[in-house]
Amino acid sequence: VEVTNTGISGSSTSTGSFGRVIADDVIIDNGDITIPATKKLYLDGGGNSYIHETSADRVLITVGGTNLLDLNEGGGGSSDYIAIRAASIFYLDGGGNTHFSETSADNVKFTVGGAGVLDLTSTQISGSSTSTGSFGRVNVNGSGTRMVFDTGTTDGTIDFLAIDDGSTVSKMQLFSDDAGGSTGINMMT
C-alpha cells in the first residue's frame, strides 16, 4: 500500500479492509457512518432532500426542500412528538385509499376505502350518513352537562341519560318493536 498526500493506492487483489476511514468530519467505522451534529445527510447529491439533526435529539426529514417529518425526543411526555407537515395525508395502506389528513386548520378527516367516514373539528364530530356500524355507548361531556347514549341492549331500546350539573338525573328510553307493533318513549326521573 502506498500513501501520499494525493491518494492511497494498493493491490487490486486486496481482500482486506481499511477498518476506520475519516474524511473531513465524516467517519466510517465498521459499517457505521457518523456525521457531526447539525450537518445534513443529503440523499440527492447535495440538493434539497436530506436528513438533518437540527438540535439535540430532534431530526427533520426534508424532501424537495419541504420538512415532511419532524421527530423530537424532548425527555418524555408532551415534549416528545412526531409531526408531519400541515395539510398532509398520512396513509395507513401504503398510499392507497385509507388515510387521515388535516383538511384545514384544526380539522381532521378520516378516509377508509376512499370514502370519508369521520370528520373531527374543534367543535364537532361527524361521520358518514351511510354507516351501518354501531358505537354501543357514547359519552358526551360539556360544560356541566353529561349525556350518555347507550345502545347496549338487545331488546330494541335506546337509552338516553342526561345528568345536568350533577343535581338532576333524567332518563328517557326510546323503543321500537322491529315487527312494527309499537314505538314509544318512556320518561323517568
N, C-alpha and C. Protein backbone atom coordinates (compact mmCIF):
# COMPACT_ATOMS: atom_id res chain seq x y z
N VAL A 1 0.85 -1.17 0.00
CA VAL A 1 0.00 0.00 0.00
C VAL A 1 0.90 1.24 0.00
N GLU A 2 0.55 2.19 -0.84
CA GLU A 2 1.31 3.44 -0.91
C GLU A 2 0.39 4.60 -0.54
N VAL A 3 0.80 5.38 0.43
CA VAL A 3 0.02 6.53 0.88
C VAL A 3 0.82 7.79 0.56
N THR A 4 0.18 8.72 -0.15
CA THR A 4 0.80 10.02 -0.45
C THR A 4 -0.19 11.11 -0.11
N ASN A 5 0.22 12.36 -0.28
CA ASN A 5 -0.70 13.46 0.02
C ASN A 5 -1.77 13.62 -1.04
N THR A 6 -1.71 12.83 -2.13
CA THR A 6 -2.73 12.91 -3.18
C THR A 6 -3.58 11.66 -3.29
N GLY A 7 -3.28 10.59 -2.55
CA GLY A 7 -4.12 9.40 -2.67
C GLY A 7 -3.55 8.19 -1.97
N ILE A 8 -4.33 7.10 -2.01
CA ILE A 8 -3.94 5.82 -1.45
C ILE A 8 -4.02 4.82 -2.60
N SER A 9 -3.00 4.02 -2.78
CA SER A 9 -3.06 3.01 -3.83
C SER A 9 -2.52 1.70 -3.28
N GLY A 10 -3.00 0.60 -3.84
CA GLY A 10 -2.53 -0.69 -3.38
C GLY A 10 -2.88 -1.76 -4.39
N SER A 11 -2.76 -2.99 -3.99
CA SER A 11 -3.02 -4.12 -4.87
C SER A 11 -4.49 -4.19 -5.24
N SER A 12 -4.77 -4.48 -6.48
CA SER A 12 -6.16 -4.62 -6.92
C SER A 12 -6.77 -5.93 -6.44
N THR A 13 -5.96 -6.82 -5.88
CA THR A 13 -6.47 -8.11 -5.40
C THR A 13 -6.59 -8.14 -3.89
N SER A 14 -6.43 -7.02 -3.23
CA SER A 14 -6.51 -6.97 -1.78
C SER A 14 -7.91 -7.34 -1.31
N THR A 15 -7.99 -8.17 -0.27
CA THR A 15 -9.29 -8.53 0.31
C THR A 15 -9.41 -7.95 1.71
N GLY A 16 -8.49 -7.14 2.11
CA GLY A 16 -8.52 -6.54 3.43
C GLY A 16 -9.48 -5.36 3.48
N SER A 17 -9.56 -4.72 4.65
CA SER A 17 -10.41 -3.54 4.78
C SER A 17 -9.61 -2.44 5.46
N PHE A 18 -10.04 -1.24 5.30
CA PHE A 18 -9.36 -0.11 5.91
C PHE A 18 -9.72 0.02 7.39
N GLY A 19 -10.81 -0.61 7.85
CA GLY A 19 -11.23 -0.52 9.24
C GLY A 19 -11.97 0.78 9.50
N ARG A 20 -11.25 1.84 9.74
CA ARG A 20 -11.86 3.13 10.05
C ARG A 20 -11.37 4.16 9.04
N VAL A 21 -12.30 4.87 8.42
CA VAL A 21 -11.96 5.89 7.44
C VAL A 21 -12.52 7.22 7.92
N ILE A 22 -11.69 8.24 7.93
CA ILE A 22 -12.12 9.58 8.31
C ILE A 22 -11.88 10.49 7.12
N ALA A 23 -12.94 11.13 6.66
CA ALA A 23 -12.85 12.08 5.56
C ALA A 23 -13.49 13.37 6.02
N ASP A 24 -12.67 14.39 6.24
CA ASP A 24 -13.12 15.65 6.80
C ASP A 24 -13.80 15.36 8.14
N ASP A 25 -15.10 15.62 8.31
CA ASP A 25 -15.80 15.36 9.57
C ASP A 25 -16.59 14.06 9.55
N VAL A 26 -16.56 13.33 8.44
CA VAL A 26 -17.34 12.10 8.31
C VAL A 26 -16.47 10.92 8.68
N ILE A 27 -17.03 10.01 9.50
CA ILE A 27 -16.29 8.83 9.94
C ILE A 27 -17.06 7.59 9.51
N ILE A 28 -16.35 6.68 8.84
CA ILE A 28 -16.92 5.38 8.51
C ILE A 28 -16.15 4.36 9.32
N ASP A 29 -16.85 3.66 10.20
CA ASP A 29 -16.19 2.74 11.13
C ASP A 29 -17.04 1.50 11.31
N ASN A 30 -16.56 0.37 10.81
CA ASN A 30 -17.26 -0.92 10.96
C ASN A 30 -18.69 -0.87 10.46
N GLY A 31 -18.93 -0.18 9.38
CA GLY A 31 -20.27 -0.12 8.79
C GLY A 31 -21.12 1.03 9.27
N ASP A 32 -20.73 1.71 10.34
CA ASP A 32 -21.46 2.88 10.84
C ASP A 32 -20.90 4.13 10.18
N ILE A 33 -21.78 5.06 9.87
CA ILE A 33 -21.37 6.35 9.31
C ILE A 33 -21.76 7.42 10.32
N THR A 34 -20.80 8.24 10.70
CA THR A 34 -21.05 9.30 11.67
C THR A 34 -20.76 10.65 11.01
N ILE A 35 -21.73 11.57 11.15
CA ILE A 35 -21.50 12.93 10.69
C ILE A 35 -21.70 13.85 11.89
N PRO A 36 -21.08 15.00 11.90
CA PRO A 36 -21.21 15.92 13.04
C PRO A 36 -22.67 16.38 13.23
N ALA A 37 -22.98 16.70 14.47
CA ALA A 37 -24.32 17.21 14.80
C ALA A 37 -24.62 18.43 13.96
N THR A 38 -25.85 18.57 13.59
CA THR A 38 -26.43 19.67 12.79
C THR A 38 -25.98 19.68 11.34
N LYS A 39 -25.17 18.71 10.91
CA LYS A 39 -24.84 18.59 9.48
C LYS A 39 -25.94 17.81 8.78
N LYS A 40 -26.06 17.95 7.48
CA LYS A 40 -27.11 17.30 6.71
C LYS A 40 -26.57 16.08 5.99
N LEU A 41 -27.35 15.01 5.95
CA LEU A 41 -27.04 13.83 5.17
C LEU A 41 -27.90 13.90 3.91
N TYR A 42 -27.29 14.35 2.81
CA TYR A 42 -28.03 14.55 1.56
C TYR A 42 -28.30 13.22 0.88
N LEU A 43 -29.49 13.10 0.31
CA LEU A 43 -29.90 11.89 -0.37
C LEU A 43 -29.97 12.09 -1.87
N ASP A 44 -29.71 13.31 -2.33
CA ASP A 44 -29.84 13.61 -3.76
C ASP A 44 -28.62 14.36 -4.29
N GLY A 45 -27.44 14.04 -3.74
CA GLY A 45 -26.22 14.65 -4.24
C GLY A 45 -26.01 16.09 -3.80
N GLY A 46 -26.64 16.51 -2.74
CA GLY A 46 -26.43 17.87 -2.23
C GLY A 46 -27.52 18.84 -2.60
N GLY A 47 -28.65 18.34 -3.08
CA GLY A 47 -29.75 19.21 -3.47
C GLY A 47 -30.63 19.59 -2.30
N ASN A 48 -31.90 19.20 -2.37
CA ASN A 48 -32.86 19.65 -1.36
C ASN A 48 -33.59 18.51 -0.65
N SER A 49 -33.01 17.31 -0.63
CA SER A 49 -33.58 16.20 0.12
C SER A 49 -32.52 15.64 1.05
N TYR A 50 -32.80 15.67 2.36
CA TYR A 50 -31.79 15.28 3.33
C TYR A 50 -32.41 14.94 4.68
N ILE A 51 -31.60 14.34 5.54
CA ILE A 51 -31.92 14.09 6.94
C ILE A 51 -31.01 15.01 7.74
N HIS A 52 -31.57 15.67 8.75
CA HIS A 52 -30.84 16.74 9.44
C HIS A 52 -31.19 16.74 10.92
N GLU A 53 -30.18 16.62 11.78
CA GLU A 53 -30.42 16.81 13.22
C GLU A 53 -30.29 18.30 13.48
N THR A 54 -31.43 18.97 13.71
CA THR A 54 -31.42 20.42 13.85
C THR A 54 -30.94 20.88 15.22
N SER A 55 -31.17 20.04 16.23
CA SER A 55 -30.69 20.30 17.59
C SER A 55 -30.65 18.95 18.30
N ALA A 56 -30.19 18.95 19.54
CA ALA A 56 -30.05 17.69 20.26
C ALA A 56 -31.37 16.92 20.27
N ASP A 57 -31.34 15.70 19.76
CA ASP A 57 -32.48 14.77 19.78
C ASP A 57 -33.68 15.24 18.96
N ARG A 58 -33.45 16.06 17.95
CA ARG A 58 -34.52 16.47 17.04
C ARG A 58 -34.02 16.29 15.60
N VAL A 59 -34.76 15.48 14.82
CA VAL A 59 -34.36 15.16 13.46
C VAL A 59 -35.47 15.54 12.50
N LEU A 60 -35.11 16.23 11.43
CA LEU A 60 -36.05 16.58 10.36
C LEU A 60 -35.71 15.77 9.12
N ILE A 61 -36.75 15.29 8.44
CA ILE A 61 -36.57 14.67 7.13
C ILE A 61 -37.17 15.65 6.13
N THR A 62 -36.33 16.12 5.23
CA THR A 62 -36.71 17.16 4.26
C THR A 62 -36.65 16.55 2.87
N VAL A 63 -37.73 16.72 2.11
CA VAL A 63 -37.79 16.22 0.74
C VAL A 63 -38.23 17.37 -0.16
N GLY A 64 -37.47 17.61 -1.21
CA GLY A 64 -37.81 18.70 -2.12
C GLY A 64 -37.79 20.06 -1.46
N GLY A 65 -37.00 20.21 -0.39
CA GLY A 65 -36.92 21.48 0.31
C GLY A 65 -38.01 21.69 1.35
N THR A 66 -38.93 20.73 1.50
CA THR A 66 -40.02 20.85 2.46
C THR A 66 -39.81 19.87 3.61
N ASN A 67 -39.89 20.36 4.86
CA ASN A 67 -39.79 19.48 6.02
C ASN A 67 -41.06 18.64 6.10
N LEU A 68 -40.95 17.34 5.81
CA LEU A 68 -42.12 16.47 5.81
C LEU A 68 -42.32 15.73 7.13
N LEU A 69 -41.22 15.45 7.84
CA LEU A 69 -41.33 14.69 9.08
C LEU A 69 -40.39 15.30 10.11
N ASP A 70 -40.93 15.52 11.32
CA ASP A 70 -40.19 16.12 12.42
C ASP A 70 -40.26 15.16 13.59
N LEU A 71 -39.11 14.67 14.04
CA LEU A 71 -39.04 13.71 15.14
C LEU A 71 -38.31 14.37 16.30
N ASN A 72 -38.93 14.38 17.49
CA ASN A 72 -38.31 15.04 18.63
C ASN A 72 -38.44 14.17 19.88
N GLU A 73 -37.33 13.96 20.56
CA GLU A 73 -37.32 13.29 21.85
C GLU A 73 -36.89 14.35 22.84
N GLY A 74 -37.88 14.88 23.56
CA GLY A 74 -37.61 16.00 24.45
C GLY A 74 -37.57 15.63 25.91
N GLY A 75 -37.33 14.37 26.24
CA GLY A 75 -37.23 13.98 27.63
C GLY A 75 -38.48 13.32 28.18
N GLY A 76 -39.44 13.02 27.33
CA GLY A 76 -40.64 12.32 27.77
C GLY A 76 -41.87 13.21 27.80
N GLY A 77 -43.02 12.56 27.82
CA GLY A 77 -44.28 13.28 27.91
C GLY A 77 -44.61 14.09 26.69
N SER A 78 -45.24 15.25 26.91
CA SER A 78 -45.72 16.06 25.80
C SER A 78 -44.60 16.73 25.00
N SER A 79 -43.38 16.70 25.51
CA SER A 79 -42.29 17.30 24.75
C SER A 79 -41.74 16.34 23.69
N ASP A 80 -42.14 15.06 23.71
CA ASP A 80 -41.79 14.11 22.66
C ASP A 80 -42.87 14.17 21.59
N TYR A 81 -42.47 14.17 20.32
CA TYR A 81 -43.51 14.19 19.29
C TYR A 81 -42.98 13.70 17.95
N ILE A 82 -43.94 13.32 17.11
CA ILE A 82 -43.72 13.06 15.69
C ILE A 82 -44.69 13.97 14.97
N ALA A 83 -44.20 14.81 14.09
CA ALA A 83 -45.08 15.75 13.39
C ALA A 83 -44.89 15.61 11.89
N ILE A 84 -46.01 15.70 11.17
CA ILE A 84 -45.94 15.77 9.71
C ILE A 84 -46.38 17.16 9.29
N ARG A 85 -46.03 17.55 8.09
CA ARG A 85 -46.37 18.88 7.59
C ARG A 85 -47.88 19.10 7.61
N ALA A 86 -48.32 20.29 7.93
CA ALA A 86 -49.75 20.63 7.95
C ALA A 86 -50.38 20.31 6.61
N ALA A 87 -51.62 19.87 6.64
CA ALA A 87 -52.43 19.56 5.46
C ALA A 87 -51.87 18.39 4.64
N SER A 88 -51.03 17.55 5.26
CA SER A 88 -50.51 16.37 4.58
C SER A 88 -51.45 15.19 4.80
N ILE A 89 -51.31 14.19 3.98
CA ILE A 89 -52.08 12.95 4.11
C ILE A 89 -51.18 11.89 4.71
N PHE A 90 -51.68 11.20 5.75
CA PHE A 90 -50.95 10.12 6.41
C PHE A 90 -51.63 8.81 6.02
N TYR A 91 -51.03 8.08 5.08
CA TYR A 91 -51.62 6.84 4.58
C TYR A 91 -51.37 5.69 5.54
N LEU A 92 -52.38 4.85 5.69
CA LEU A 92 -52.27 3.67 6.53
C LEU A 92 -52.17 2.40 5.70
N ASP A 93 -52.28 2.54 4.38
CA ASP A 93 -52.26 1.38 3.49
C ASP A 93 -51.23 1.52 2.37
N GLY A 94 -50.15 2.24 2.64
CA GLY A 94 -49.08 2.36 1.67
C GLY A 94 -49.36 3.32 0.52
N GLY A 95 -50.33 4.18 0.63
CA GLY A 95 -50.59 5.17 -0.41
C GLY A 95 -51.84 4.89 -1.22
N GLY A 96 -52.69 4.02 -0.74
CA GLY A 96 -53.92 3.70 -1.45
C GLY A 96 -55.05 4.64 -1.11
N ASN A 97 -56.10 4.11 -0.48
CA ASN A 97 -57.29 4.92 -0.25
C ASN A 97 -57.75 4.93 1.21
N THR A 98 -56.85 4.61 2.14
CA THR A 98 -57.18 4.66 3.56
C THR A 98 -56.15 5.55 4.25
N HIS A 99 -56.63 6.68 4.80
CA HIS A 99 -55.72 7.67 5.36
C HIS A 99 -56.46 8.64 6.27
N PHE A 100 -55.69 9.45 6.96
CA PHE A 100 -56.27 10.62 7.64
C PHE A 100 -55.44 11.83 7.25
N SER A 101 -56.09 12.98 7.31
CA SER A 101 -55.42 14.19 6.88
C SER A 101 -56.02 15.40 7.59
N GLU A 102 -55.23 16.46 7.65
CA GLU A 102 -55.73 17.74 8.13
C GLU A 102 -56.25 18.48 6.90
N THR A 103 -57.58 18.63 6.81
CA THR A 103 -58.18 19.24 5.63
C THR A 103 -58.10 20.76 5.66
N SER A 104 -58.06 21.33 6.85
CA SER A 104 -57.83 22.76 7.06
C SER A 104 -57.40 22.90 8.52
N ALA A 105 -57.09 24.11 8.96
CA ALA A 105 -56.60 24.30 10.32
C ALA A 105 -57.57 23.69 11.34
N ASP A 106 -57.05 22.79 12.16
CA ASP A 106 -57.81 22.15 13.25
C ASP A 106 -58.98 21.30 12.78
N ASN A 107 -58.93 20.80 11.57
CA ASN A 107 -59.96 19.89 11.03
C ASN A 107 -59.28 18.65 10.48
N VAL A 108 -59.70 17.48 10.98
CA VAL A 108 -59.09 16.21 10.58
C VAL A 108 -60.16 15.32 9.96
N LYS A 109 -59.82 14.69 8.84
CA LYS A 109 -60.75 13.81 8.14
C LYS A 109 -60.13 12.42 8.03
N PHE A 110 -60.93 11.40 8.34
CA PHE A 110 -60.53 10.01 8.19
C PHE A 110 -61.23 9.44 6.96
N THR A 111 -60.46 8.82 6.08
CA THR A 111 -60.99 8.22 4.85
C THR A 111 -60.62 6.75 4.84
N VAL A 112 -61.62 5.89 4.64
CA VAL A 112 -61.41 4.44 4.61
C VAL A 112 -62.00 3.91 3.32
N GLY A 113 -61.20 3.19 2.55
CA GLY A 113 -61.68 2.65 1.29
C GLY A 113 -62.10 3.72 0.30
N GLY A 114 -61.53 4.91 0.42
CA GLY A 114 -61.86 6.00 -0.48
C GLY A 114 -63.05 6.85 -0.05
N ALA A 115 -63.76 6.43 1.00
CA ALA A 115 -64.93 7.18 1.48
C ALA A 115 -64.60 7.92 2.77
N GLY A 116 -64.95 9.19 2.83
CA GLY A 116 -64.78 9.96 4.06
C GLY A 116 -65.75 9.44 5.11
N VAL A 117 -65.22 8.92 6.21
CA VAL A 117 -66.09 8.30 7.21
C VAL A 117 -66.15 9.06 8.53
N LEU A 118 -65.20 9.95 8.80
CA LEU A 118 -65.22 10.66 10.06
C LEU A 118 -64.51 12.00 9.91
N ASP A 119 -65.18 13.06 10.38
CA ASP A 119 -64.59 14.40 10.39
C ASP A 119 -64.54 14.89 11.82
N LEU A 120 -63.39 15.40 12.24
CA LEU A 120 -63.22 15.94 13.59
C LEU A 120 -62.83 17.40 13.48
N THR A 121 -63.53 18.26 14.21
CA THR A 121 -63.16 19.67 14.29
C THR A 121 -63.09 20.05 15.76
N SER A 122 -62.76 21.28 16.03
CA SER A 122 -62.69 21.71 17.43
C SER A 122 -64.08 21.83 18.04
N THR A 123 -65.13 21.78 17.23
CA THR A 123 -66.49 21.93 17.76
C THR A 123 -67.42 20.77 17.47
N GLN A 124 -67.02 19.80 16.62
CA GLN A 124 -67.95 18.72 16.31
C GLN A 124 -67.25 17.47 15.82
N ILE A 125 -67.98 16.36 15.91
CA ILE A 125 -67.58 15.08 15.34
C ILE A 125 -68.71 14.68 14.42
N SER A 126 -68.38 14.37 13.18
CA SER A 126 -69.43 13.93 12.27
C SER A 126 -68.92 12.75 11.47
N GLY A 127 -69.84 11.86 11.10
CA GLY A 127 -69.46 10.67 10.36
C GLY A 127 -70.33 10.46 9.15
N SER A 128 -70.10 9.37 8.48
CA SER A 128 -70.85 9.03 7.28
C SER A 128 -72.31 8.77 7.60
N SER A 129 -73.20 9.32 6.79
CA SER A 129 -74.63 9.08 7.00
C SER A 129 -75.04 7.70 6.53
N THR A 130 -74.12 7.00 5.88
CA THR A 130 -74.45 5.66 5.40
C THR A 130 -73.82 4.58 6.26
N SER A 131 -73.27 4.96 7.41
CA SER A 131 -72.62 3.98 8.27
C SER A 131 -73.62 2.96 8.79
N THR A 132 -73.22 1.72 8.78
CA THR A 132 -74.05 0.67 9.35
C THR A 132 -73.44 0.14 10.63
N GLY A 133 -72.40 0.80 11.08
CA GLY A 133 -71.72 0.36 12.30
C GLY A 133 -72.46 0.83 13.54
N SER A 134 -71.93 0.48 14.70
CA SER A 134 -72.56 0.83 15.96
C SER A 134 -71.49 1.26 16.95
N PHE A 135 -71.76 2.31 17.70
CA PHE A 135 -70.85 2.74 18.74
C PHE A 135 -71.09 2.00 20.05
N GLY A 136 -72.30 1.50 20.26
CA GLY A 136 -72.62 0.82 21.51
C GLY A 136 -72.94 1.81 22.61
N ARG A 137 -71.99 2.62 23.02
CA ARG A 137 -72.21 3.61 24.06
C ARG A 137 -71.39 4.85 23.72
N VAL A 138 -72.02 6.01 23.81
CA VAL A 138 -71.34 7.27 23.52
C VAL A 138 -71.51 8.19 24.72
N ASN A 139 -70.42 8.72 25.22
CA ASN A 139 -70.46 9.69 26.31
C ASN A 139 -70.11 11.06 25.76
N VAL A 140 -70.92 12.07 26.10
CA VAL A 140 -70.66 13.43 25.68
C VAL A 140 -70.58 14.29 26.93
N ASN A 141 -69.46 14.96 27.12
CA ASN A 141 -69.28 15.82 28.29
C ASN A 141 -69.19 17.27 27.83
N GLY A 142 -70.02 18.11 28.39
CA GLY A 142 -70.00 19.53 28.07
C GLY A 142 -69.80 20.32 29.35
N SER A 143 -70.04 21.60 29.29
CA SER A 143 -69.85 22.44 30.48
C SER A 143 -70.97 22.16 31.47
N GLY A 144 -70.72 21.26 32.40
CA GLY A 144 -71.67 20.95 33.45
C GLY A 144 -72.73 19.93 33.07
N THR A 145 -72.79 19.48 31.82
CA THR A 145 -73.81 18.53 31.39
C THR A 145 -73.14 17.30 30.83
N ARG A 146 -73.67 16.16 31.21
CA ARG A 146 -73.15 14.93 30.65
C ARG A 146 -74.31 14.16 30.05
N MET A 147 -74.12 13.65 28.84
CA MET A 147 -75.15 12.83 28.20
C MET A 147 -74.53 11.49 27.85
N VAL A 148 -75.29 10.44 28.07
CA VAL A 148 -74.83 9.10 27.71
C VAL A 148 -75.88 8.47 26.82
N PHE A 149 -75.47 8.07 25.62
CA PHE A 149 -76.33 7.31 24.73
C PHE A 149 -75.87 5.87 24.84
N ASP A 150 -76.75 4.99 25.26
CA ASP A 150 -76.36 3.60 25.47
C ASP A 150 -77.27 2.70 24.65
N THR A 151 -76.70 2.07 23.64
CA THR A 151 -77.48 1.15 22.79
C THR A 151 -77.04 -0.28 23.03
N GLY A 152 -76.53 -0.54 24.22
CA GLY A 152 -76.01 -1.86 24.52
C GLY A 152 -77.07 -2.91 24.81
N THR A 153 -78.33 -2.55 24.70
CA THR A 153 -79.38 -3.52 24.98
C THR A 153 -79.70 -4.33 23.74
N THR A 154 -80.30 -5.48 23.94
CA THR A 154 -80.68 -6.33 22.80
C THR A 154 -82.19 -6.36 22.61
N ASP A 155 -82.93 -5.53 23.37
CA ASP A 155 -84.39 -5.58 23.28
C ASP A 155 -84.97 -4.50 22.37
N GLY A 156 -84.15 -3.85 21.56
CA GLY A 156 -84.65 -2.85 20.63
C GLY A 156 -84.78 -1.47 21.23
N THR A 157 -84.29 -1.25 22.46
CA THR A 157 -84.41 0.07 23.08
C THR A 157 -83.11 0.84 22.94
N ILE A 158 -83.25 2.16 22.97
CA ILE A 158 -82.10 3.05 23.03
C ILE A 158 -82.30 3.89 24.28
N ASP A 159 -81.37 3.81 25.21
CA ASP A 159 -81.48 4.56 26.45
C ASP A 159 -80.70 5.86 26.33
N PHE A 160 -81.26 6.92 26.90
CA PHE A 160 -80.62 8.22 26.91
C PHE A 160 -80.62 8.71 28.35
N LEU A 161 -79.48 9.07 28.87
CA LEU A 161 -79.37 9.53 30.24
C LEU A 161 -78.71 10.90 30.23
N ALA A 162 -79.37 11.87 30.85
CA ALA A 162 -78.81 13.22 30.95
C ALA A 162 -78.59 13.57 32.40
N ILE A 163 -77.42 14.03 32.75
CA ILE A 163 -77.12 14.49 34.10
C ILE A 163 -76.74 15.95 33.98
N ASP A 164 -77.53 16.84 34.60
CA ASP A 164 -77.32 18.27 34.49
C ASP A 164 -76.69 18.80 35.76
N ASP A 165 -75.47 19.30 35.70
CA ASP A 165 -74.75 19.87 36.83
C ASP A 165 -74.65 18.93 38.02
N GLY A 166 -74.85 17.63 37.82
CA GLY A 166 -74.75 16.68 38.90
C GLY A 166 -75.93 16.68 39.85
N SER A 167 -76.95 17.54 39.62
CA SER A 167 -78.05 17.63 40.57
C SER A 167 -79.32 16.93 40.07
N THR A 168 -79.57 16.89 38.78
CA THR A 168 -80.78 16.30 38.23
C THR A 168 -80.40 15.14 37.33
N VAL A 169 -81.03 14.01 37.54
CA VAL A 169 -80.79 12.86 36.68
C VAL A 169 -82.10 12.51 36.00
N SER A 170 -82.11 12.53 34.70
CA SER A 170 -83.31 12.18 33.94
C SER A 170 -82.95 11.05 33.00
N LYS A 171 -83.89 10.15 32.78
CA LYS A 171 -83.66 9.05 31.86
C LYS A 171 -84.83 8.97 30.90
N MET A 172 -84.51 8.85 29.63
CA MET A 172 -85.53 8.70 28.61
C MET A 172 -85.19 7.44 27.83
N GLN A 173 -86.16 6.59 27.64
CA GLN A 173 -85.95 5.35 26.92
C GLN A 173 -86.79 5.38 25.65
N LEU A 174 -86.12 5.27 24.50
CA LEU A 174 -86.80 5.19 23.21
C LEU A 174 -86.86 3.72 22.82
N PHE A 175 -88.04 3.27 22.37
CA PHE A 175 -88.12 1.86 21.97
C PHE A 175 -88.94 1.72 20.71
N SER A 176 -88.60 0.68 19.97
CA SER A 176 -89.30 0.38 18.74
C SER A 176 -89.35 -1.13 18.58
N ASP A 177 -90.52 -1.64 18.28
CA ASP A 177 -90.70 -3.06 18.02
C ASP A 177 -90.40 -3.28 16.54
N ASP A 178 -89.38 -4.06 16.23
CA ASP A 178 -89.00 -4.30 14.84
C ASP A 178 -90.13 -4.91 14.02
N ALA A 179 -91.05 -5.57 14.67
CA ALA A 179 -92.18 -6.18 13.95
C ALA A 179 -93.24 -5.14 13.60
N GLY A 180 -93.03 -3.87 14.02
CA GLY A 180 -93.98 -2.82 13.67
C GLY A 180 -95.13 -2.70 14.68
N GLY A 181 -95.02 -3.39 15.80
CA GLY A 181 -96.11 -3.38 16.76
C GLY A 181 -96.21 -2.11 17.57
N SER A 182 -95.07 -1.57 18.08
CA SER A 182 -95.17 -0.38 18.91
C SER A 182 -93.87 0.41 18.87
N THR A 183 -94.05 1.70 19.09
CA THR A 183 -92.94 2.63 19.20
C THR A 183 -93.30 3.58 20.30
N GLY A 184 -92.33 3.97 21.14
CA GLY A 184 -92.68 4.86 22.22
C GLY A 184 -91.49 5.45 22.94
N ILE A 185 -91.82 6.27 23.93
CA ILE A 185 -90.82 6.92 24.77
C ILE A 185 -91.24 6.75 26.21
N ASN A 186 -90.37 6.26 27.04
CA ASN A 186 -90.61 6.19 28.47
C ASN A 186 -89.75 7.26 29.14
N MET A 187 -90.33 8.09 29.99
CA MET A 187 -89.59 9.14 30.71
C MET A 187 -89.50 8.75 32.17
N MET A 188 -88.33 8.85 32.76
CA MET A 188 -88.13 8.55 34.17
C MET A 188 -87.23 9.62 34.76
N THR A 189 -87.41 9.92 36.05
CA THR A 189 -86.54 10.90 36.70
C THR A 189 -85.80 10.24 37.84
